[in-house]
C-alpha atoms as a PDB file:
ATOM      1  CA  UNK A   1     180.970  87.187 290.819  1.00  0.00           C
ATOM      2  CA  UNK A   2     182.001  86.971 287.149  1.00  0.00           C
ATOM      3  CA  UNK A   3     182.249  83.191 287.437  1.00  0.00           C
ATOM      4  CA  UNK A   4     178.715  83.077 288.841  1.00  0.00           C
ATOM      5  CA  UNK A   5     177.279  84.926 285.851  1.00  0.00           C
ATOM      6  CA  UNK A   6     179.312  82.848 283.381  1.00  0.00           C
ATOM      7  CA  UNK A   7     178.126  79.630 285.026  1.00  0.00           C
ATOM      8  CA  UNK A   8     174.545  80.910 285.029  1.00  0.00           C
ATOM      9  CA  UNK A   9     174.817  81.789 281.321  1.00  0.00           C
ATOM     10  CA  UNK A  10     176.207  78.361 280.506  1.00  0.00           C
ATOM     11  CA  UNK A  11     173.450  76.674 282.504  1.00  0.00           C
ATOM     12  CA  UNK A  12     170.850  78.766 280.699  1.00  0.00           C
ATOM     13  CA  UNK A  13     172.374  77.824 277.342  1.00  0.00           C
ATOM     14  CA  UNK A  14     172.381  74.158 278.318  1.00  0.00           C
ATOM     15  CA  UNK A  15     168.754  74.476 279.370  1.00  0.00           C
ATOM     16  CA  UNK A  16     167.940  75.731 275.888  1.00  0.00           C
ATOM     17  CA  UNK A  17     169.577  72.631 274.414  1.00  0.00           C
ATOM     18  CA  UNK A  18     172.516  74.511 272.940  1.00  0.00           C
ATOM     19  CA  UNK A  19     175.748  72.591 272.507  1.00  0.00           C
ATOM     20  CA  UNK A  20     178.779  74.545 273.658  1.00  0.00           C
ATOM     21  CA  UNK A  21     182.185  73.465 272.483  1.00  0.00           C
ATOM     22  CA  UNK A  22     184.182  76.440 273.733  1.00  0.00           C
ATOM     23  CA  UNK A  23     183.631  79.612 275.691  1.00  0.00           C
ATOM     24  CA  UNK A  24     184.500  82.541 273.442  1.00  0.00           C
ATOM     25  CA  UNK A  25     184.102  86.263 273.982  1.00  0.00           C
ATOM     26  CA  UNK A  26     181.043  87.603 272.149  1.00  0.00           C
ATOM     27  CA  UNK A  27     183.191  89.498 269.629  1.00  0.00           C
ATOM     28  CA  UNK A  28     185.058  86.311 268.702  1.00  0.00           C
ATOM     29  CA  UNK A  29     181.975  84.343 267.701  1.00  0.00           C
ATOM     30  CA  UNK A  30     182.063  83.804 263.955  1.00  0.00           C
ATOM     31  CA  UNK A  31     178.281  83.577 263.650  1.00  0.00           C
ATOM     32  CA  UNK A  32     177.552  86.918 265.330  1.00  0.00           C
ATOM     33  CA  UNK A  33     175.650  89.367 263.162  1.00  0.00           C
ATOM     34  CA  UNK A  34     178.081  92.218 262.448  1.00  0.00           C
ATOM     35  CA  UNK A  35     177.045  95.688 263.584  1.00  0.00           C
ATOM     36  CA  UNK A  36     176.037  97.320 260.311  1.00  0.00           C
ATOM     37  CA  UNK A  37     175.745 101.128 260.347  1.00  0.00           C
ATOM     38  CA  UNK A  38     172.246 102.549 260.107  1.00  0.00           C
ATOM     39  CA  UNK A  39     171.064 103.248 256.565  1.00  0.00           C
ATOM     40  CA  UNK A  40     170.734 106.797 255.273  1.00  0.00           C
ATOM     41  CA  UNK A  41     167.020 107.489 255.375  1.00  0.00           C
ATOM     42  CA  UNK A  42     165.259 109.655 252.822  1.00  0.00           C
ATOM     43  CA  UNK A  43     162.373 110.346 255.211  1.00  0.00           C
ATOM     44  CA  UNK A  44     162.760 113.385 257.423  1.00  0.00           C
ATOM     45  CA  UNK A  45     159.730 112.560 259.538  1.00  0.00           C
ATOM     46  CA  UNK A  46     157.483 109.627 260.374  1.00  0.00           C
ATOM     47  CA  UNK A  47     153.819 109.330 261.240  1.00  0.00           C
ATOM     48  CA  UNK A  48     153.195 108.237 264.832  1.00  0.00           C
ATOM     49  CA  UNK A  49     151.757 104.775 265.468  1.00  0.00           C
ATOM     50  CA  UNK A  50     148.397 104.967 267.255  1.00  0.00           C
ATOM     51  CA  UNK A  51     148.858 101.887 269.472  1.00  0.00           C
ATOM     52  CA  UNK A  52     152.474 100.725 269.372  1.00  0.00           C
ATOM     53  CA  UNK A  53     152.482  98.458 272.430  1.00  0.00           C
ATOM     54  CA  UNK A  54     150.641  95.168 272.996  1.00  0.00           C
ATOM     55  CA  UNK A  55     148.745  94.361 276.179  1.00  0.00           C
ATOM     56  CA  UNK A  56     150.861  94.503 279.339  1.00  0.00           C
ATOM     57  CA  UNK A  57     150.192  90.828 280.085  1.00  0.00           C
ATOM     58  CA  UNK A  58     152.260  89.493 277.168  1.00  0.00           C
ATOM     59  CA  UNK A  59     155.542  91.271 277.966  1.00  0.00           C
ATOM     60  CA  UNK A  60     157.297  88.493 279.873  1.00  0.00           C
ATOM     61  CA  UNK A  61     156.512  85.885 277.216  1.00  0.00           C
ATOM     62  CA  UNK A  62     157.538  88.231 274.386  1.00  0.00           C
ATOM     63  CA  UNK A  63     160.869  89.009 276.040  1.00  0.00           C
ATOM     64  CA  UNK A  64     161.599  85.317 276.664  1.00  0.00           C
ATOM     65  CA  UNK A  65     160.737  84.454 273.055  1.00  0.00           C
ATOM     66  CA  UNK A  66     162.875  87.339 271.794  1.00  0.00           C
ATOM     67  CA  UNK A  67     165.952  86.113 273.648  1.00  0.00           C
ATOM     68  CA  UNK A  68     165.451  82.569 272.370  1.00  0.00           C
ATOM     69  CA  UNK A  69     165.205  83.921 268.808  1.00  0.00           C
ATOM     70  CA  UNK A  70     168.181  86.255 269.315  1.00  0.00           C
ATOM     71  CA  UNK A  71     170.347  83.349 270.406  1.00  0.00           C
ATOM     72  CA  UNK A  72     169.329  81.311 267.362  1.00  0.00           C
ATOM     73  CA  UNK A  73     169.785  84.198 264.902  1.00  0.00           C
ATOM     74  CA  UNK A  74     172.804  85.816 266.611  1.00  0.00           C
ATOM     75  CA  UNK A  75     171.107  89.208 266.798  1.00  0.00           C
ATOM     76  CA  UNK A  76     170.777  91.529 269.759  1.00  0.00           C
ATOM     77  CA  UNK A  77     167.484  92.301 271.482  1.00  0.00           C
ATOM     78  CA  UNK A  78     166.099  95.836 271.387  1.00  0.00           C
ATOM     79  CA  UNK A  79     163.690  96.337 274.269  1.00  0.00           C
ATOM     80  CA  UNK A  80     161.407  99.334 273.663  1.00  0.00           C
ATOM     81  CA  UNK A  81     159.651 100.202 276.918  1.00  0.00           C
ATOM     82  CA  UNK A  82     156.714 102.581 276.603  1.00  0.00           C
ATOM     83  CA  UNK A  83     153.002 103.182 276.810  1.00  0.00           C
ATOM     84  CA  UNK A  84     150.237 103.753 274.295  1.00  0.00           C
ATOM     85  CA  UNK A  85     149.475 107.117 275.942  1.00  0.00           C
ATOM     86  CA  UNK A  86     153.010 108.461 275.292  1.00  0.00           C
ATOM     87  CA  UNK A  87     153.485 110.762 272.253  1.00  0.00           C
ATOM     88  CA  UNK A  88     157.256 110.143 272.060  1.00  0.00           C
ATOM     89  CA  UNK A  89     156.644 106.376 272.184  1.00  0.00           C
ATOM     90  CA  UNK A  90     154.174 106.641 269.306  1.00  0.00           C
ATOM     91  CA  UNK A  91     156.664 108.682 267.300  1.00  0.00           C
ATOM     92  CA  UNK A  92     159.517 106.271 267.997  1.00  0.00           C
ATOM     93  CA  UNK A  93     157.347 103.396 266.788  1.00  0.00           C
ATOM     94  CA  UNK A  94     156.565 105.392 263.658  1.00  0.00           C
ATOM     95  CA  UNK A  95     160.285 105.779 262.974  1.00  0.00           C
ATOM     96  CA  UNK A  96     160.819 102.050 263.573  1.00  0.00           C
ATOM     97  CA  UNK A  97     158.069 101.350 261.005  1.00  0.00           C
ATOM     98  CA  UNK A  98     159.713 103.315 258.169  1.00  0.00           C
ATOM     99  CA  UNK A  99     160.625 100.706 255.507  1.00  0.00           C
ATOM    100  CA  UNK A 100     164.409 101.228 255.477  1.00  0.00           C
ATOM    101  CA  UNK A 101     164.522 101.610 259.252  1.00  0.00           C
ATOM    102  CA  UNK A 102     162.444  98.460 259.772  1.00  0.00           C
ATOM    103  CA  UNK A 103     164.710  96.420 257.451  1.00  0.00           C
ATOM    104  CA  UNK A 104     167.847  97.598 259.248  1.00  0.00           C
ATOM    105  CA  UNK A 105     166.375  97.083 262.715  1.00  0.00           C
ATOM    106  CA  UNK A 106     165.250  93.570 261.762  1.00  0.00           C
ATOM    107  CA  UNK A 107     168.719  92.729 260.425  1.00  0.00           C
ATOM    108  CA  UNK A 108     170.373  93.754 263.688  1.00  0.00           C
ATOM    109  CA  UNK A 109     167.831  93.152 266.448  1.00  0.00           C
ATOM    110  CA  UNK A 110     164.865  91.230 267.680  1.00  0.00           C
ATOM    111  CA  UNK A 111     162.672  94.222 268.560  1.00  0.00           C
ATOM    112  CA  UNK A 112     160.300  93.876 271.509  1.00  0.00           C
ATOM    113  CA  UNK A 113     157.779  96.597 272.363  1.00  0.00           C
ATOM    114  CA  UNK A 114     157.169  96.317 276.119  1.00  0.00           C
ATOM    115  CA  UNK A 115     154.069  98.028 277.501  1.00  0.00           C
ATOM    116  CA  UNK A 116     154.769  99.514 280.930  1.00  0.00           C
ATOM    117  CA  UNK A 117     151.262 100.897 281.391  1.00  0.00           C
ATOM    118  CA  UNK A 118     151.512 104.233 283.202  1.00  0.00           C
ATOM    119  CA  UNK A 119     155.074 103.334 284.250  1.00  0.00           C
ATOM    120  CA  UNK A 120     153.624 100.911 286.767  1.00  0.00           C
ATOM    121  CA  UNK A 121     154.024  97.434 285.262  1.00  0.00           C
ATOM    122  CA  UNK A 122     156.743  95.291 283.620  1.00  0.00           C
ATOM    123  CA  UNK A 123     159.418  97.577 285.112  1.00  0.00           C
ATOM    124  CA  UNK A 124     161.333  94.563 286.458  1.00  0.00           C
ATOM    125  CA  UNK A 125     162.136  93.597 282.866  1.00  0.00           C
ATOM    126  CA  UNK A 126     164.380  96.668 282.628  1.00  0.00           C
ATOM    127  CA  UNK A 127     165.761  96.235 286.140  1.00  0.00           C
ATOM    128  CA  UNK A 128     167.254  92.897 285.027  1.00  0.00           C
ATOM    129  CA  UNK A 129     169.647  94.921 282.872  1.00  0.00           C
ATOM    130  CA  UNK A 130     170.483  97.575 285.446  1.00  0.00           C
ATOM    131  CA  UNK A 131     168.016 100.169 284.141  1.00  0.00           C
ATOM    132  CA  UNK A 132     165.350 101.869 286.242  1.00  0.00           C
ATOM    133  CA  UNK A 133     162.518 103.215 284.122  1.00  0.00           C
ATOM    134  CA  UNK A 134     161.571 106.726 285.173  1.00  0.00           C
ATOM    135  CA  UNK A 135     160.332 107.977 281.804  1.00  0.00           C
ATOM    136  CA  UNK A 136     159.355 106.497 278.458  1.00  0.00           C
ATOM    137  CA  UNK A 137     160.321 105.604 275.877  1.00  0.00           C
ATOM    138  CA  UNK A 138     163.247 103.751 277.360  1.00  0.00           C
ATOM    139  CA  UNK A 139     165.252 101.637 274.920  1.00  0.00           C
ATOM    140  CA  UNK A 140     167.727  98.991 276.022  1.00  0.00           C
ATOM    141  CA  UNK A 141     169.899  97.021 273.621  1.00  0.00           C
ATOM    142  CA  UNK A 142     170.883  93.671 275.078  1.00  0.00           C
ATOM    143  CA  UNK A 143     173.170  90.946 273.768  1.00  0.00           C
ATOM    144  CA  UNK A 144     171.657  87.451 273.461  1.00  0.00           C
ATOM    145  CA  UNK A 145     173.632  86.597 276.604  1.00  0.00           C
ATOM    146  CA  UNK A 146     171.865  89.343 278.577  1.00  0.00           C
ATOM    147  CA  UNK A 147     174.451  92.151 278.650  1.00  0.00           C
ATOM    148  CA  UNK A 148     172.946  95.646 278.268  1.00  0.00           C
ATOM    149  CA  UNK A 149     174.953  97.790 275.856  1.00  0.00           C
ATOM    150  CA  UNK A 150     173.376 101.187 276.509  1.00  0.00           C
ATOM    151  CA  UNK A 151     172.201 101.341 280.102  1.00  0.00           C
ATOM    152  CA  UNK A 152     173.908 104.722 280.324  1.00  0.00           C
ATOM    153  CA  UNK A 153     171.777 106.220 277.525  1.00  0.00           C
ATOM    154  CA  UNK A 154     168.591 104.205 277.695  1.00  0.00           C
ATOM    155  CA  UNK A 155     166.379 107.300 278.025  1.00  0.00           C
ATOM    156  CA  UNK A 156     168.071 109.286 275.242  1.00  0.00           C
ATOM    157  CA  UNK A 157     165.151 108.589 272.896  1.00  0.00           C
ATOM    158  CA  UNK A 158     162.654 110.105 275.331  1.00  0.00           C
ATOM    159  CA  UNK A 159     162.702 113.135 273.091  1.00  0.00           C
ATOM    160  CA  UNK A 160     161.765 111.217 269.920  1.00  0.00           C
ATOM    161  CA  UNK A 161     159.238 113.825 268.745  1.00  0.00           C
ATOM    162  CA  UNK A 162     162.017 116.362 268.261  1.00  0.00           C
ATOM    163  CA  UNK A 163     164.518 113.945 266.686  1.00  0.00           C
ATOM    164  CA  UNK A 164     164.814 113.140 263.019  1.00  0.00           C
ATOM    165  CA  UNK A 165     164.415 109.502 261.999  1.00  0.00           C
ATOM    166  CA  UNK A 166     168.090 109.538 260.986  1.00  0.00           C
ATOM    167  CA  UNK A 167     169.190 110.810 264.403  1.00  0.00           C
ATOM    168  CA  UNK A 168     167.216 108.030 266.104  1.00  0.00           C
ATOM    169  CA  UNK A 169     168.772 105.302 263.967  1.00  0.00           C
ATOM    170  CA  UNK A 170     172.262 106.788 264.276  1.00  0.00           C
ATOM    171  CA  UNK A 171     171.973 106.736 268.065  1.00  0.00           C
ATOM    172  CA  UNK A 172     170.781 103.116 268.066  1.00  0.00           C
ATOM    173  CA  UNK A 173     173.593 102.253 265.650  1.00  0.00           C
ATOM    174  CA  UNK A 174     176.166 103.775 268.011  1.00  0.00           C
ATOM    175  CA  UNK A 175     174.829 101.594 270.835  1.00  0.00           C
ATOM    176  CA  UNK A 176     174.842  98.543 268.564  1.00  0.00           C
ATOM    177  CA  UNK A 177     178.585  98.989 267.914  1.00  0.00           C
ATOM    178  CA  UNK A 178     179.328  98.568 271.622  1.00  0.00           C
ATOM    179  CA  UNK A 179     178.790  94.851 271.469  1.00  0.00           C
END
């Protein structure tokens, strides 16, 4: 089974026109962006974003583009699944928009807000990484090769309204260190 996924990853890389000279574990790649700890934020709260998610119809293209960019820039992909009706999703987006948070997130991840409607569309995008969306926000951090780093805690930010911006970034940082 492992050989199947490795072969599939190599075929996908070849399809993207990437030249592979050796197969190295992800942690051995010299061009990988190092996991930098989250910055210490001065803000203790963030204003919610009124409409944090784009139309549901663009999700598949955005995710595909994010993975192509992540492979080129050696960053991970942060998939933020939510809906514009969700107060915790709006708050999480507000935290992501804080200047220091946004700079750190951009240095570590290609961030993709994925609109799941009323938890009835684009759910298969999470299923690819072994996560079933039952509540939002659901955040999955994925390596450029498609390995989810936090499937076990993907719903931990579902309580974003009661978390400090620092607590949110610290949790994401802990997931980032896994890969």
